[in-house]
N, C-alpha and C. Protein backbone atom coordinates (compact mmCIF):
# COMPACT_ATOMS: atom_id res chain seq x y z
N MET A 1 0.65 25.56 -6.93
CA MET A 1 -0.66 25.07 -7.57
C MET A 1 -0.85 23.57 -6.80
N ALA A 2 -1.60 23.93 -5.65
CA ALA A 2 -1.99 22.45 -5.39
C ALA A 2 -2.87 21.12 -6.63
N ARG A 3 -2.33 19.86 -6.18
CA ARG A 3 -2.77 18.81 -7.28
C ARG A 3 -3.79 18.90 -6.95
N ARG A 4 -4.85 18.67 -8.03
CA ARG A 4 -6.37 18.67 -8.06
C ARG A 4 -6.74 17.33 -8.09
N THR A 5 -6.08 16.06 -8.66
CA THR A 5 -6.21 15.01 -9.19
C THR A 5 -4.98 14.52 -9.27
N CYS A 6 -5.10 13.19 -8.96
CA CYS A 6 -3.93 12.06 -9.62
C CYS A 6 -4.60 11.14 -10.69
N TYR A 7 -3.59 10.43 -11.31
CA TYR A 7 -4.19 9.11 -12.26
C TYR A 7 -3.63 8.09 -12.02
N VAL A 8 -4.49 7.03 -11.88
CA VAL A 8 -4.34 5.73 -11.86
C VAL A 8 -4.88 4.89 -12.94
N ASN A 9 -4.20 3.94 -13.08
CA ASN A 9 -4.36 3.21 -14.28
C ASN A 9 -5.26 3.75 -15.37
N GLU A 10 -4.16 4.18 -16.35
CA GLU A 10 -4.13 4.89 -17.62
C GLU A 10 -5.16 5.54 -17.38
N MET A 11 -4.81 6.80 -16.57
CA MET A 11 -5.18 7.93 -16.52
C MET A 11 -6.98 8.18 -16.10
N GLN A 12 -7.32 6.91 -15.24
CA GLN A 12 -8.63 7.23 -14.20
C GLN A 12 -8.53 7.87 -13.47
N GLN A 13 -9.33 9.30 -13.63
CA GLN A 13 -9.09 10.17 -12.39
C GLN A 13 -9.53 9.66 -10.69
N VAL A 14 -8.76 9.98 -9.56
CA VAL A 14 -9.30 9.49 -8.49
C VAL A 14 -8.86 10.82 -7.73
N SER A 15 -9.97 11.27 -6.96
CA SER A 15 -9.89 12.46 -6.31
C SER A 15 -8.44 12.75 -4.97
N ASP A 16 -8.15 13.97 -4.41
CA ASP A 16 -7.09 14.12 -3.69
C ASP A 16 -7.40 13.30 -2.80
N ALA A 17 -8.54 13.36 -1.87
CA ALA A 17 -8.80 12.73 -0.35
C ALA A 17 -8.91 11.23 -0.87
N SER A 18 -8.73 10.67 -2.39
CA SER A 18 -9.17 9.13 -2.19
C SER A 18 -7.34 8.66 -2.13
N ALA A 19 -6.78 9.71 -2.82
CA ALA A 19 -5.33 9.58 -3.50
C ALA A 19 -4.31 9.81 -1.88
N ARG A 20 -4.90 10.40 -0.94
CA ARG A 20 -4.18 10.69 0.17
C ARG A 20 -4.45 9.37 0.97
N LYS A 21 -5.49 8.91 1.34
CA LYS A 21 -6.06 7.74 1.51
C LYS A 21 -5.21 6.62 1.46
N LEU A 22 -4.79 6.46 0.21
CA LEU A 22 -4.15 5.43 -0.43
C LEU A 22 -2.76 5.46 -0.11
N CYS A 23 -2.42 6.89 -0.22
CA CYS A 23 -0.87 6.97 -0.02
C CYS A 23 -0.48 6.93 1.77
N GLN A 24 -1.56 7.03 2.53
CA GLN A 24 -1.27 7.00 4.11
C GLN A 24 -1.18 5.48 4.43
N VAL A 25 -1.71 4.59 3.51
CA VAL A 25 -1.56 2.87 3.65
C VAL A 25 -0.43 2.74 3.14
N ILE A 26 0.29 2.93 2.12
CA ILE A 26 1.58 2.65 1.54
C ILE A 26 2.46 3.28 2.61
N ASP A 27 2.44 4.99 2.87
CA ASP A 27 3.55 5.33 3.63
C ASP A 27 3.35 4.64 4.87
N ALA A 28 2.38 4.08 5.63
CA ALA A 28 2.27 3.24 6.84
C ALA A 28 3.21 2.39 6.82
N LEU A 29 3.34 1.51 5.68
CA LEU A 29 3.90 0.10 5.22
C LEU A 29 5.52 0.48 5.16
N LEU A 30 5.87 1.46 4.36
CA LEU A 30 7.22 1.80 4.22
C LEU A 30 7.72 2.96 5.17
N ALA A 31 7.28 3.02 6.33
CA ALA A 31 7.70 3.92 7.24
C ALA A 31 8.64 3.39 8.06
N ASP A 32 9.45 3.95 9.11
CA ASP A 32 10.15 3.46 9.78
C ASP A 32 9.70 2.66 11.19
N GLY A 33 10.25 2.03 11.81
CA GLY A 33 9.71 1.51 13.13
C GLY A 33 9.33 -0.25 12.99
N PRO A 34 8.79 -0.93 13.88
CA PRO A 34 8.94 -2.19 13.90
C PRO A 34 7.48 -2.53 12.91
N ILE A 35 7.72 -3.76 12.30
CA ILE A 35 6.69 -4.17 11.32
C ILE A 35 5.17 -4.12 11.86
N GLN A 36 5.18 -4.82 13.22
CA GLN A 36 4.24 -4.98 13.71
C GLN A 36 3.22 -3.53 13.94
N ASP A 37 3.79 -2.49 13.97
CA ASP A 37 3.20 -1.10 14.34
C ASP A 37 2.91 -0.57 12.78
N ARG A 38 3.88 -0.83 11.69
CA ARG A 38 3.60 -0.24 10.36
C ARG A 38 2.18 -1.34 9.74
N LEU A 39 2.08 -2.45 10.20
CA LEU A 39 1.06 -3.07 9.85
C LEU A 39 -0.22 -2.75 10.38
N ALA A 40 0.04 -2.49 11.44
CA ALA A 40 -1.29 -2.06 12.10
C ALA A 40 -1.93 -0.69 11.78
N ASP A 41 -0.92 0.11 11.61
CA ASP A 41 -1.22 1.85 10.91
C ASP A 41 -2.04 1.17 9.58
N ALA A 42 -1.08 0.30 8.67
CA ALA A 42 -1.59 0.35 7.37
C ALA A 42 -3.42 -0.27 7.77
N THR A 43 -3.26 -1.35 8.50
CA THR A 43 -4.77 -1.54 8.39
C THR A 43 -5.92 -0.73 8.91
N ARG A 44 -5.42 0.17 9.66
CA ARG A 44 -6.27 0.87 10.14
C ARG A 44 -6.77 1.96 9.07
N TYR A 45 -5.60 2.21 8.39
CA TYR A 45 -5.82 3.58 7.09
C TYR A 45 -6.86 2.05 6.00
N LEU A 46 -6.59 1.54 5.85
CA LEU A 46 -7.55 0.28 4.58
C LEU A 46 -8.76 0.51 5.56
N ASP A 47 -9.02 0.60 6.60
CA ASP A 47 -10.49 0.55 7.17
C ASP A 47 -10.80 1.90 6.77
N LEU A 48 -10.40 2.80 7.02
CA LEU A 48 -10.83 4.56 6.59
C LEU A 48 -10.91 4.44 5.11
N LEU A 49 -10.06 3.53 4.36
CA LEU A 49 -10.15 3.81 2.79
C LEU A 49 -11.48 3.38 2.36
N GLU A 50 -12.07 2.38 3.24
CA GLU A 50 -13.40 1.75 2.96
C GLU A 50 -14.49 2.63 2.29
N PHE A 51 -14.37 4.07 3.27
CA PHE A 51 -15.32 4.69 2.87
C PHE A 51 -15.30 5.41 1.60
N TYR A 52 -13.77 5.19 0.97
CA TYR A 52 -13.54 5.96 -0.27
C TYR A 52 -13.56 4.73 -1.91
N GLN A 53 -13.96 3.54 -1.22
CA GLN A 53 -13.73 2.65 -2.05
C GLN A 53 -14.45 2.70 -3.55
N SER A 54 -15.45 3.34 -3.49
CA SER A 54 -16.24 3.64 -4.70
C SER A 54 -15.34 4.72 -5.68
N GLU A 55 -14.52 5.30 -5.02
CA GLU A 55 -13.77 6.02 -5.97
C GLU A 55 -12.21 5.83 -6.28
N ILE A 56 -12.03 4.53 -5.77
CA ILE A 56 -10.96 3.54 -6.16
C ILE A 56 -10.77 2.65 -7.11
N PRO A 57 -9.77 2.61 -7.88
CA PRO A 57 -9.93 1.01 -8.52
C PRO A 57 -10.03 -0.01 -7.74
N THR A 58 -11.15 -0.99 -8.11
CA THR A 58 -11.26 -2.06 -7.12
C THR A 58 -9.65 -2.79 -7.38
N GLU A 59 -9.25 -2.95 -8.10
CA GLU A 59 -8.04 -3.91 -8.50
C GLU A 59 -6.72 -3.00 -7.15
N ILE A 60 -6.92 -1.99 -7.26
CA ILE A 60 -5.84 -0.91 -6.31
C ILE A 60 -6.17 -1.22 -4.91
N PHE A 61 -7.37 -1.26 -4.84
CA PHE A 61 -7.96 -1.64 -3.52
C PHE A 61 -7.68 -2.79 -2.71
N ASN A 62 -8.06 -3.64 -3.61
CA ASN A 62 -7.97 -5.31 -3.27
C ASN A 62 -6.56 -5.72 -3.10
N GLU A 63 -5.35 -5.13 -4.33
CA GLU A 63 -4.16 -5.30 -4.01
C GLU A 63 -3.17 -4.87 -2.78
N LEU A 64 -4.01 -3.66 -2.36
CA LEU A 64 -3.34 -3.05 -1.15
C LEU A 64 -3.67 -3.83 0.27
N THR A 65 -5.22 -4.69 0.01
CA THR A 65 -5.52 -5.20 1.00
C THR A 65 -5.01 -6.68 1.18
N ASP A 66 -4.69 -7.33 0.26
CA ASP A 66 -4.09 -8.61 0.03
C ASP A 66 -2.94 -8.40 0.23
N LEU A 67 -1.75 -7.57 0.03
CA LEU A 67 -0.47 -6.88 0.33
C LEU A 67 -0.56 -7.13 2.18
N VAL A 68 -1.38 -6.13 2.60
CA VAL A 68 -1.32 -6.15 4.25
C VAL A 68 -1.55 -7.63 4.96
N ASP A 69 -2.83 -8.04 3.97
CA ASP A 69 -2.88 -9.63 4.48
C ASP A 69 -1.69 -10.18 4.75
N ASP A 70 -1.40 -10.59 3.19
CA ASP A 70 -0.25 -11.26 3.15
C ASP A 70 1.22 -10.98 4.12
N LEU A 71 1.42 -9.85 4.40
CA LEU A 71 2.51 -9.52 5.54
C LEU A 71 2.07 -9.79 6.88
N THR A 72 0.87 -9.40 7.10
CA THR A 72 0.05 -9.83 8.48
C THR A 72 0.43 -11.41 8.51
N GLU A 73 0.10 -12.04 7.55
CA GLU A 73 0.02 -13.79 7.68
C GLU A 73 1.33 -14.09 7.60
N LEU A 74 2.43 -13.33 6.89
CA LEU A 74 4.20 -13.98 7.07
C LEU A 74 4.37 -13.65 8.42
N LEU A 75 4.25 -12.35 8.56
CA LEU A 75 4.62 -11.89 10.09
C LEU A 75 4.11 -12.84 11.19
N SER A 76 3.00 -13.22 11.13
CA SER A 76 2.34 -14.54 12.13
C SER A 76 2.92 -15.37 12.20
N ASP A 77 3.23 -15.99 10.96
CA ASP A 77 4.38 -17.48 10.73
C ASP A 77 5.32 -17.45 11.14
N HIS A 78 5.96 -15.93 11.05
CA HIS A 78 7.46 -16.31 11.10
C HIS A 78 8.16 -15.42 12.61
N GLY A 79 7.21 -14.44 12.83
CA GLY A 79 7.73 -13.63 13.88
C GLY A 79 8.40 -12.53 13.31
N PRO A 80 8.54 -11.68 14.44
CA PRO A 80 9.22 -10.14 14.02
C PRO A 80 10.89 -10.28 13.62
N ASN A 81 11.57 -11.39 13.87
CA ASN A 81 12.98 -11.76 13.38
C ASN A 81 13.07 -12.91 12.51
N MET A 82 12.01 -12.62 11.38
CA MET A 82 11.95 -13.97 10.54
C MET A 82 12.98 -14.29 9.62
N LEU A 83 13.62 -15.47 9.62
CA LEU A 83 14.09 -15.61 8.77
C LEU A 83 13.40 -16.13 7.50
N LEU A 84 13.57 -16.14 6.27
CA LEU A 84 12.98 -16.19 5.23
C LEU A 84 13.70 -16.77 3.92
N THR A 85 13.02 -18.10 3.83
CA THR A 85 13.52 -18.78 2.46
C THR A 85 13.94 -18.08 1.00
N PRO A 86 14.67 -18.42 0.46
CA PRO A 86 14.86 -17.71 -0.91
C PRO A 86 13.49 -17.26 -1.84
N ALA A 87 12.84 -18.30 -1.77
CA ALA A 87 11.15 -18.09 -2.23
C ALA A 87 10.58 -17.26 -1.33
N GLN A 88 10.54 -17.02 -0.14
CA GLN A 88 9.90 -16.21 0.35
C GLN A 88 10.28 -14.95 0.19
N GLU A 89 11.61 -14.82 0.32
CA GLU A 89 12.42 -13.52 0.23
C GLU A 89 12.01 -12.72 -1.32
N ARG A 90 11.84 -13.55 -2.34
CA ARG A 90 11.24 -13.00 -3.83
C ARG A 90 10.17 -12.57 -3.38
N ASP A 91 9.31 -13.31 -2.95
CA ASP A 91 7.72 -12.86 -3.11
C ASP A 91 7.73 -11.60 -2.14
N LEU A 92 8.55 -11.77 -1.06
CA LEU A 92 8.40 -10.42 -0.10
C LEU A 92 8.95 -9.34 -1.21
N THR A 93 9.85 -9.47 -1.80
CA THR A 93 10.76 -8.47 -2.61
C THR A 93 9.31 -7.84 -3.72
N ASN A 94 8.69 -8.81 -4.62
CA ASN A 94 7.79 -8.72 -5.37
C ASN A 94 6.62 -7.61 -4.61
N LYS A 95 6.19 -7.95 -3.23
CA LYS A 95 5.39 -7.21 -2.81
C LYS A 95 5.28 -5.60 -2.57
N ILE A 96 7.26 -5.80 -1.85
CA ILE A 96 7.42 -4.23 -2.08
C ILE A 96 7.71 -3.50 -3.34
N TYR A 97 7.41 -3.99 -4.50
CA TYR A 97 7.62 -3.86 -5.44
C TYR A 97 6.43 -3.30 -5.72
N LYS A 98 5.50 -4.18 -5.82
CA LYS A 98 3.78 -3.73 -6.24
C LYS A 98 3.54 -2.44 -5.38
N ILE A 99 4.26 -1.94 -3.86
CA ILE A 99 3.88 -0.97 -3.15
C ILE A 99 4.31 0.05 -4.06
N PHE A 100 5.80 0.30 -4.64
CA PHE A 100 6.19 1.21 -5.06
C PHE A 100 5.52 1.61 -6.50
N SER A 101 5.15 0.53 -7.00
CA SER A 101 4.34 0.54 -8.46
C SER A 101 3.11 1.33 -7.99
N ILE A 102 2.35 0.92 -7.20
CA ILE A 102 1.00 1.43 -6.80
C ILE A 102 1.25 2.73 -6.40
N TYR A 103 2.36 3.22 -5.45
CA TYR A 103 2.66 4.49 -5.05
C TYR A 103 2.76 5.14 -6.07
N ILE A 104 3.74 4.84 -7.18
CA ILE A 104 3.98 5.98 -8.33
C ILE A 104 2.73 6.17 -9.22
N GLU A 105 1.93 5.33 -9.42
CA GLU A 105 0.80 5.29 -9.82
C GLU A 105 0.02 6.22 -9.28
N ILE A 106 -0.29 6.18 -8.41
CA ILE A 106 -0.73 7.26 -7.35
C ILE A 106 -0.53 8.58 -7.68
N SER A 107 0.81 9.02 -7.53
CA SER A 107 1.38 10.08 -7.89
C SER A 107 1.37 10.58 -8.91
N GLY A 108 0.73 10.04 -9.81
CA GLY A 108 0.90 10.52 -11.33
C GLY A 108 2.13 10.19 -12.03
N GLY A 109 3.20 9.27 -11.45
CA GLY A 109 4.56 8.84 -12.01
C GLY A 109 5.43 9.52 -10.95
N ALA A 110 5.32 10.65 -10.06
CA ALA A 110 6.62 10.95 -9.36
C ALA A 110 6.56 10.58 -7.89
N LEU A 111 7.88 10.50 -7.42
CA LEU A 111 8.10 9.82 -6.27
C LEU A 111 7.81 10.87 -5.36
N ILE A 112 6.96 11.02 -4.53
CA ILE A 112 6.90 12.04 -3.85
C ILE A 112 6.98 11.49 -2.08
N PHE A 113 8.04 12.35 -1.53
CA PHE A 113 8.63 11.51 -0.16
C PHE A 113 8.63 12.78 0.93
């Protein structure tokens, strides 16, 4: 049976269409390939996600937007072969953790690959 809703942030219902759009952003960030391509794809999906913004918790939309913006800035500052300081590595690890946390929330607690 197809999933009709998923639950985000303490059981707030989000439609399948909105959840799919959210997952597209995350999938783009976690995909294989050069980081520049993944960020470009994630940015494009975020632009499309704005049409569903009223159906998505503001904090999740803002979190994803901030994440893509931060990663884009980090890449522009350091280039694709960046060497990061320990503090930058911790920050990047925290951002990746947030991606997984949001993905798990969106999918109702299940990891879907």
